[in-house]
C-alpha cells in the first residue's frame, strides 16, 4: 500500500502530484521499529506531508503527531532506550533530530 501526500491515485494508477517540486520520489529509510505494519501505523497520528521531501531517515523509538510536514532532508535518530515525539503541526525542513524529545499536551 502507498501512503503519501506526494502522489495521487486515479483508476488504480499512482501518479506523482503535480505540486511536487522534485521530479523523483524521496529516499525514505525507516528503522526496524517501522517494519511491521501495526508498529508503523501506531507511530503516526496522521501521515506527514511529504510533498517537498527529498530524503528521510528515521530510526529508533519515534512517533509523529498530526499534520507534520517534512521538507528537504530530515534525519531523526532516537537514542537507544529513548523516545522522540514529533509534535503535531511541526515543520521539519533540513533538520537532524537526535537524542530524546518529549513534548506533552497538558
N, C-alpha and C. Protein backbone atom coordinates (compact mmCIF):
# COMPACT_ATOMS: atom_id res chain seq x y z
N UNK A 1 0.84 -1.18 0.00
CA UNK A 1 0.00 0.00 0.00
C UNK A 1 0.88 1.24 0.00
N UNK A 2 0.44 2.26 -0.67
CA UNK A 2 1.17 3.52 -0.73
C UNK A 2 0.41 4.53 0.12
N UNK A 3 1.13 5.14 1.07
CA UNK A 3 0.55 6.15 1.93
C UNK A 3 1.40 7.39 1.79
N UNK A 4 0.87 8.43 1.14
CA UNK A 4 1.68 9.60 0.86
C UNK A 4 0.83 10.76 0.39
N UNK A 5 1.37 11.97 0.62
CA UNK A 5 0.74 13.18 0.10
C UNK A 5 1.39 13.62 -1.19
N UNK A 6 2.43 12.90 -1.63
CA UNK A 6 3.15 13.33 -2.82
C UNK A 6 2.65 12.68 -4.09
N UNK A 7 1.68 11.78 -3.95
CA UNK A 7 1.16 11.11 -5.14
C UNK A 7 -0.37 11.13 -5.11
N UNK A 8 -0.95 10.90 -6.26
CA UNK A 8 -2.40 10.82 -6.37
C UNK A 8 -2.74 9.51 -7.07
N UNK A 9 -3.89 8.97 -6.78
CA UNK A 9 -4.31 7.74 -7.43
C UNK A 9 -5.56 7.94 -8.25
N UNK A 10 -5.50 7.49 -9.49
CA UNK A 10 -6.66 7.57 -10.36
C UNK A 10 -6.79 6.25 -11.10
N UNK A 11 -7.93 5.63 -10.98
CA UNK A 11 -8.20 4.36 -11.67
C UNK A 11 -7.12 3.32 -11.39
N UNK A 12 -6.65 3.26 -10.14
CA UNK A 12 -5.65 2.27 -9.77
C UNK A 12 -4.23 2.61 -10.20
N UNK A 13 -4.01 3.78 -10.77
CA UNK A 13 -2.68 4.19 -11.22
C UNK A 13 -2.19 5.30 -10.29
N UNK A 14 -0.98 5.13 -9.77
CA UNK A 14 -0.41 6.13 -8.88
C UNK A 14 0.45 7.07 -9.71
N UNK A 15 0.18 8.37 -9.56
CA UNK A 15 0.93 9.39 -10.29
C UNK A 15 1.52 10.38 -9.30
N UNK A 16 2.69 10.92 -9.65
CA UNK A 16 3.32 11.93 -8.81
C UNK A 16 2.45 13.18 -8.81
N UNK A 17 2.29 13.79 -7.65
CA UNK A 17 1.49 15.01 -7.56
C UNK A 17 2.11 16.11 -8.42
N UNK A 18 1.32 16.83 -9.17
CA UNK A 18 1.86 17.92 -9.99
C UNK A 18 2.40 19.06 -9.13
N UNK A 19 2.07 19.07 -7.84
CA UNK A 19 2.56 20.10 -6.93
C UNK A 19 3.97 19.81 -6.42
N UNK A 20 4.47 18.59 -6.65
CA UNK A 20 5.80 18.22 -6.16
C UNK A 20 6.88 18.93 -6.97
N UNK A 21 7.86 19.55 -6.27
CA UNK A 21 8.93 20.30 -6.92
C UNK A 21 9.99 19.39 -7.53
N UNK A 22 10.22 18.23 -6.91
CA UNK A 22 11.25 17.32 -7.36
C UNK A 22 10.67 16.33 -8.36
N UNK A 23 11.42 15.96 -9.40
CA UNK A 23 10.89 15.01 -10.39
C UNK A 23 10.95 13.55 -9.93
N UNK A 24 11.65 13.30 -8.83
CA UNK A 24 11.81 11.92 -8.34
C UNK A 24 11.09 11.75 -7.01
N UNK A 25 10.88 10.50 -6.62
CA UNK A 25 10.31 10.23 -5.30
C UNK A 25 11.41 10.40 -4.25
N UNK A 26 11.03 10.74 -3.03
CA UNK A 26 12.06 10.91 -1.99
C UNK A 26 12.64 9.57 -1.56
N UNK A 27 13.86 9.62 -1.06
CA UNK A 27 14.51 8.45 -0.49
C UNK A 27 14.08 8.37 0.97
N UNK A 28 13.45 7.27 1.35
CA UNK A 28 12.95 7.11 2.73
C UNK A 28 13.52 5.84 3.31
N UNK A 29 14.22 6.00 4.45
CA UNK A 29 14.81 4.86 5.17
C UNK A 29 14.22 4.84 6.57
N UNK A 30 13.55 3.74 6.91
CA UNK A 30 12.92 3.59 8.21
C UNK A 30 13.57 2.44 8.96
N UNK A 31 13.79 2.63 10.26
CA UNK A 31 14.41 1.61 11.09
C UNK A 31 13.50 0.43 11.37
N UNK A 32 14.04 -0.53 12.11
CA UNK A 32 13.34 -1.78 12.42
C UNK A 32 12.01 -1.55 13.14
N UNK A 33 11.90 -0.45 13.87
CA UNK A 33 10.68 -0.15 14.61
C UNK A 33 9.48 0.09 13.69
N UNK A 34 9.73 0.31 12.40
CA UNK A 34 8.67 0.62 11.43
C UNK A 34 8.39 -0.55 10.48
N UNK A 35 9.07 -1.68 10.66
CA UNK A 35 8.96 -2.79 9.70
C UNK A 35 7.59 -3.45 9.68
N UNK A 36 6.99 -3.71 10.83
CA UNK A 36 5.69 -4.37 10.88
C UNK A 36 4.60 -3.32 10.74
N UNK A 37 3.59 -3.61 9.95
CA UNK A 37 2.56 -2.63 9.62
C UNK A 37 1.86 -2.09 10.87
N UNK A 38 1.58 -2.96 11.86
CA UNK A 38 0.90 -2.46 13.07
C UNK A 38 1.81 -1.52 13.86
N UNK A 39 3.12 -1.74 13.85
CA UNK A 39 4.05 -0.83 14.52
C UNK A 39 4.18 0.47 13.73
N UNK A 40 4.22 0.35 12.41
CA UNK A 40 4.30 1.52 11.53
C UNK A 40 3.10 2.44 11.78
N UNK A 41 1.90 1.89 11.75
CA UNK A 41 0.68 2.68 11.86
C UNK A 41 0.53 3.37 13.22
N UNK A 42 0.98 2.72 14.30
CA UNK A 42 0.81 3.32 15.62
C UNK A 42 1.77 4.49 15.84
N UNK A 43 2.78 4.65 15.00
CA UNK A 43 3.76 5.72 15.15
C UNK A 43 3.35 7.02 14.46
N UNK A 44 2.25 6.99 13.73
CA UNK A 44 1.78 8.18 13.01
C UNK A 44 0.34 8.49 13.40
N UNK A 45 0.09 9.70 13.98
CA UNK A 45 -1.30 10.11 14.21
C UNK A 45 -1.96 10.40 12.87
N UNK A 46 -1.24 11.05 11.97
CA UNK A 46 -1.63 11.18 10.56
C UNK A 46 -0.34 11.07 9.74
N UNK A 47 -0.46 10.71 8.49
CA UNK A 47 0.72 10.59 7.63
C UNK A 47 1.28 12.00 7.37
N UNK A 48 2.60 12.20 7.57
CA UNK A 48 3.18 13.52 7.35
C UNK A 48 3.06 13.97 5.89
N UNK A 49 3.09 15.28 5.71
CA UNK A 49 3.12 15.88 4.37
C UNK A 49 4.53 15.72 3.83
N UNK A 50 4.68 14.97 2.74
CA UNK A 50 5.98 14.66 2.15
C UNK A 50 6.18 15.36 0.80
N UNK A 51 5.31 16.26 0.47
CA UNK A 51 5.31 16.87 -0.86
C UNK A 51 6.66 17.49 -1.23
N UNK A 52 7.34 18.11 -0.27
CA UNK A 52 8.61 18.78 -0.54
C UNK A 52 9.79 18.04 0.09
N UNK A 53 9.61 16.76 0.39
CA UNK A 53 10.67 15.95 1.00
C UNK A 53 11.61 15.40 -0.07
N UNK A 54 12.91 15.44 0.22
CA UNK A 54 13.92 14.85 -0.66
C UNK A 54 14.47 13.56 -0.06
N UNK A 55 14.74 13.56 1.25
CA UNK A 55 15.33 12.39 1.92
C UNK A 55 14.85 12.36 3.37
N UNK A 56 14.46 11.16 3.83
CA UNK A 56 14.06 10.96 5.22
C UNK A 56 14.70 9.70 5.75
N UNK A 57 15.34 9.82 6.92
CA UNK A 57 15.84 8.67 7.66
C UNK A 57 15.27 8.75 9.06
N UNK A 58 14.63 7.68 9.52
CA UNK A 58 14.08 7.61 10.88
C UNK A 58 14.51 6.29 11.49
N UNK A 59 15.11 6.36 12.67
CA UNK A 59 15.49 5.15 13.38
C UNK A 59 15.29 5.33 14.87
N UNK A 60 14.90 4.26 15.54
CA UNK A 60 14.64 4.31 16.96
C UNK A 60 13.17 4.49 17.26
N UNK A 61 12.89 4.80 18.52
CA UNK A 61 11.51 4.90 19.02
C UNK A 61 10.99 6.30 18.72
N UNK A 62 10.41 6.50 17.53
CA UNK A 62 9.98 7.81 17.05
C UNK A 62 8.49 7.77 16.74
N UNK A 63 7.77 8.82 17.18
CA UNK A 63 6.34 8.97 16.93
C UNK A 63 6.06 10.33 16.33
N UNK A 64 5.11 10.41 15.41
CA UNK A 64 4.75 11.64 14.72
C UNK A 64 3.34 12.06 15.12
N UNK A 65 3.16 13.34 15.46
CA UNK A 65 1.85 13.90 15.76
C UNK A 65 1.07 14.14 14.49
N UNK A 66 -0.03 14.86 14.62
CA UNK A 66 -0.89 15.18 13.47
C UNK A 66 -0.31 16.33 12.66
N UNK A 67 -0.55 16.28 11.36
CA UNK A 67 -0.23 17.39 10.45
C UNK A 67 1.23 17.82 10.51
N UNK A 68 2.14 16.86 10.52
CA UNK A 68 3.57 17.13 10.48
C UNK A 68 3.98 17.28 9.02
N UNK A 69 4.84 18.26 8.72
CA UNK A 69 5.37 18.47 7.37
C UNK A 69 6.87 18.22 7.38
N UNK A 70 7.34 17.44 6.42
CA UNK A 70 8.76 17.13 6.29
C UNK A 70 9.24 17.64 4.94
N UNK A 71 10.31 18.46 4.95
CA UNK A 71 10.80 19.08 3.72
C UNK A 71 12.31 18.95 3.63
N UNK A 72 12.80 18.82 2.41
CA UNK A 72 14.25 18.73 2.21
C UNK A 72 14.78 17.41 2.73
N UNK A 73 15.86 17.47 3.52
CA UNK A 73 16.47 16.29 4.12
C UNK A 73 16.21 16.31 5.62
N UNK A 74 15.56 15.26 6.11
CA UNK A 74 15.23 15.17 7.53
C UNK A 74 15.76 13.84 8.06
N UNK A 75 16.53 13.91 9.14
CA UNK A 75 17.09 12.72 9.79
C UNK A 75 16.67 12.75 11.25
N UNK A 76 16.02 11.68 11.70
CA UNK A 76 15.53 11.60 13.08
C UNK A 76 16.08 10.30 13.68
N UNK A 77 16.88 10.43 14.74
CA UNK A 77 17.51 9.27 15.36
C UNK A 77 17.27 9.33 16.87
N UNK A 78 16.46 8.41 17.38
CA UNK A 78 16.25 8.31 18.82
C UNK A 78 17.34 7.42 19.42
N UNK A 79 17.95 7.90 20.49
CA UNK A 79 18.97 7.11 21.17
C UNK A 79 18.35 5.83 21.72
N UNK A 80 19.17 4.79 21.86
CA UNK A 80 18.70 3.52 22.42
C UNK A 80 18.07 3.76 23.79
N UNK A 81 16.85 3.28 23.98
CA UNK A 81 16.15 3.44 25.24
C UNK A 81 15.46 4.78 25.40
N UNK A 82 15.57 5.66 24.42
CA UNK A 82 14.94 6.98 24.47
C UNK A 82 13.83 7.04 23.41
N UNK A 83 12.99 8.07 23.50
CA UNK A 83 11.87 8.23 22.57
C UNK A 83 11.85 9.66 22.06
N UNK A 84 11.49 9.81 20.80
CA UNK A 84 11.29 11.13 20.20
C UNK A 84 9.85 11.23 19.75
N UNK A 85 9.16 12.29 20.20
CA UNK A 85 7.80 12.59 19.76
C UNK A 85 7.86 13.86 18.94
N UNK A 86 7.55 13.78 17.66
CA UNK A 86 7.47 14.96 16.81
C UNK A 86 6.09 15.57 17.04
N UNK A 87 6.02 16.79 17.58
CA UNK A 87 4.72 17.38 17.95
C UNK A 87 3.82 17.63 16.74
N UNK A 88 2.52 17.63 16.99
CA UNK A 88 1.55 17.96 15.95
C UNK A 88 1.84 19.35 15.39
N UNK A 89 1.55 19.51 14.11
CA UNK A 89 1.72 20.77 13.38
C UNK A 89 3.17 21.21 13.25
N UNK A 90 4.12 20.29 13.41
CA UNK A 90 5.54 20.62 13.27
C UNK A 90 5.94 20.69 11.80
N UNK A 91 6.90 21.55 11.52
CA UNK A 91 7.55 21.61 10.22
C UNK A 91 9.03 21.33 10.44
N UNK A 92 9.52 20.24 9.86
CA UNK A 92 10.94 19.92 9.90
C UNK A 92 11.48 20.07 8.50
N UNK A 93 12.37 21.03 8.31
CA UNK A 93 12.96 21.29 7.00
C UNK A 93 14.47 21.30 7.14
N UNK A 94 15.12 20.33 6.45
CA UNK A 94 16.58 20.22 6.51
C UNK A 94 17.06 20.18 7.95
N UNK A 95 16.53 19.24 8.73
CA UNK A 95 16.84 19.13 10.16
C UNK A 95 17.35 17.75 10.52
N UNK A 96 18.20 17.73 11.55
CA UNK A 96 18.61 16.49 12.19
C UNK A 96 18.09 16.56 13.62
N UNK A 97 17.31 15.55 14.02
CA UNK A 97 16.78 15.47 15.38
C UNK A 97 17.38 14.20 15.98
N UNK A 98 18.07 14.34 17.12
CA UNK A 98 18.66 13.15 17.74
C UNK A 98 18.53 13.25 19.24
N UNK A 99 18.70 12.12 19.90
CA UNK A 99 18.59 12.09 21.35
C UNK A 99 17.19 11.69 21.77
N UNK A 100 16.57 12.54 22.59
CA UNK A 100 15.19 12.28 23.02
C UNK A 100 14.45 13.61 23.05
N UNK A 101 13.16 13.56 22.75
CA UNK A 101 12.33 14.76 22.73
C UNK A 101 10.90 14.34 23.05
N UNK A 102 10.39 14.85 24.18
CA UNK A 102 9.02 14.55 24.56
C UNK A 102 8.33 15.88 24.83
N UNK A 103 7.35 16.22 24.05
CA UNK A 103 6.53 17.40 24.29
C UNK A 103 5.11 16.91 24.50
N UNK A 104 4.58 17.15 25.68
CA UNK A 104 3.28 16.59 26.04
C UNK A 104 2.25 17.71 26.15
N UNK A 105 1.04 17.45 25.67
CA UNK A 105 -0.07 18.39 25.87
C UNK A 105 -0.47 18.32 27.35
N UNK A 106 -0.92 19.45 27.89
CA UNK A 106 -1.37 19.45 29.29
C UNK A 106 -2.80 19.92 29.40
